[in-house]
């Protein structure tokens, strides 16, 4: 993996993986927020617990990473971690704002 790939995946892991995970779990557990993603709600039977949400997050990242490896040319592959970084940033900021309003 080239350094730009590694940096892109690192950013995706921090925002989509860790940022969304932490703010979702905090929101659900401490601020009384409900999970907004209908797919996650359906799979988890309501609001996800820390363990089930971690599993869902890991499976999701693994599927995106598999997509990344299949895409050609290499430039198109970068769209996967960059998209996850953008999505993770938006969702993490949104979650943090919701938590701040509720607490």
Protein backbone atom coordinates (compact mmCIF):
# COMPACT_ATOMS: atom_id res chain seq x y z
CA UNK A 1 0.00 0.00 0.00
CA UNK A 2 1.47 3.36 -1.00
CA UNK A 3 1.77 6.12 1.57
CA UNK A 4 -1.21 8.07 0.17
CA UNK A 5 -3.30 4.91 0.52
CA UNK A 6 -2.12 4.43 4.10
CA UNK A 7 -2.85 8.04 5.00
CA UNK A 8 -6.31 7.81 3.41
CA UNK A 9 -7.15 4.61 5.28
CA UNK A 10 -5.79 6.05 8.52
CA UNK A 11 -8.08 9.06 8.15
CA UNK A 12 -11.02 6.78 7.34
CA UNK A 13 -10.29 4.64 10.40
CA UNK A 14 -10.16 7.71 12.64
CA UNK A 15 -13.32 9.37 11.35
CA UNK A 16 -15.61 6.61 10.09
CA UNK A 17 -14.30 3.90 12.39
CA UNK A 18 -13.41 5.53 15.69
CA UNK A 19 -15.16 8.92 15.52
CA UNK A 20 -18.54 7.57 14.48
CA UNK A 21 -18.26 4.62 16.86
CA UNK A 22 -17.41 6.73 19.93
CA UNK A 23 -19.99 9.44 19.28
CA UNK A 24 -22.72 6.92 18.47
CA UNK A 25 -22.10 4.86 21.61
CA UNK A 26 -21.89 8.01 23.75
CA UNK A 27 -25.06 9.40 22.23
CA UNK A 28 -27.05 6.20 22.65
CA UNK A 29 -25.76 5.44 26.15
CA UNK A 30 -25.54 8.87 27.78
CA UNK A 31 -27.67 11.35 25.84
CA UNK A 32 -30.70 9.19 25.03
CA UNK A 33 -30.15 9.50 21.30
CA UNK A 34 -31.51 6.84 18.96
CA UNK A 35 -29.40 5.40 16.15
CA UNK A 36 -30.31 7.24 12.95
CA UNK A 37 -29.20 4.60 10.45
CA UNK A 38 -32.21 2.36 9.74
CA UNK A 39 -30.00 -0.53 8.65
CA UNK A 40 -28.00 -0.45 11.90
CA UNK A 41 -31.23 -0.12 13.90
CA UNK A 42 -32.75 -3.13 12.15
CA UNK A 43 -29.67 -5.33 12.51
CA UNK A 44 -29.13 -4.39 16.15
CA UNK A 45 -32.79 -4.68 17.13
CA UNK A 46 -33.11 -1.01 18.08
CA UNK A 47 -30.14 0.93 19.33
CA UNK A 48 -26.78 -0.80 19.12
CA UNK A 49 -24.76 -1.69 22.17
CA UNK A 50 -21.01 -1.03 22.17
CA UNK A 51 -20.17 -4.64 21.27
CA UNK A 52 -22.70 -5.13 18.50
CA UNK A 53 -21.93 -1.72 17.01
CA UNK A 54 -18.19 -2.52 17.04
CA UNK A 55 -18.88 -5.74 15.12
CA UNK A 56 -21.09 -3.90 12.62
CA UNK A 57 -18.41 -1.23 12.19
CA UNK A 58 -15.65 -3.81 11.64
CA UNK A 59 -17.74 -5.74 9.10
CA UNK A 60 -18.58 -2.51 7.29
CA UNK A 61 -14.95 -1.42 7.10
CA UNK A 62 -13.92 -4.90 5.92
CA UNK A 63 -16.47 -4.75 3.09
CA UNK A 64 -15.27 -1.31 2.04
CA UNK A 65 -11.66 -2.51 2.17
CA UNK A 66 -12.54 -5.52 -0.02
CA UNK A 67 -14.15 -3.13 -2.51
CA UNK A 68 -11.00 -1.04 -2.44
CA UNK A 69 -8.84 -4.03 -3.41
CA UNK A 70 -11.11 -5.00 -6.30
CA UNK A 71 -11.27 -1.55 -7.94
CA UNK A 72 -9.01 -0.67 -10.85
CA UNK A 73 -7.26 1.65 -11.67
CA UNK A 74 -5.48 2.58 -8.46
CA UNK A 75 -6.79 6.16 -8.63
CA UNK A 76 -10.37 4.90 -8.41
CA UNK A 77 -9.43 2.87 -5.34
CA UNK A 78 -8.66 6.04 -3.40
CA UNK A 79 -12.33 7.03 -3.69
CA UNK A 80 -13.21 4.40 -1.09
CA UNK A 81 -11.16 5.63 1.90
CA UNK A 82 -11.65 9.27 0.93
CA UNK A 83 -15.44 8.77 0.83
CA UNK A 84 -15.35 7.00 4.19
CA UNK A 85 -13.31 9.87 5.64
CA UNK A 86 -15.82 12.43 4.41
CA UNK A 87 -18.77 10.38 5.62
CA UNK A 88 -17.11 9.70 8.96
CA UNK A 89 -16.29 13.39 9.45
CA UNK A 90 -19.85 14.50 8.70
CA UNK A 91 -21.44 11.83 10.91
CA UNK A 92 -19.02 12.38 13.81
CA UNK A 93 -19.61 16.16 13.81
CA UNK A 94 -23.37 15.63 13.52
CA UNK A 95 -23.36 13.13 16.38
CA UNK A 96 -21.28 15.46 18.57
CA UNK A 97 -23.71 18.34 17.94
CA UNK A 98 -26.70 16.16 18.83
CA UNK A 99 -25.00 14.98 22.03
CA UNK A 100 -24.11 18.56 22.99
CA UNK A 101 -27.74 19.67 22.53
CA UNK A 102 -29.05 16.75 24.61
CA UNK A 103 -26.69 17.07 27.58
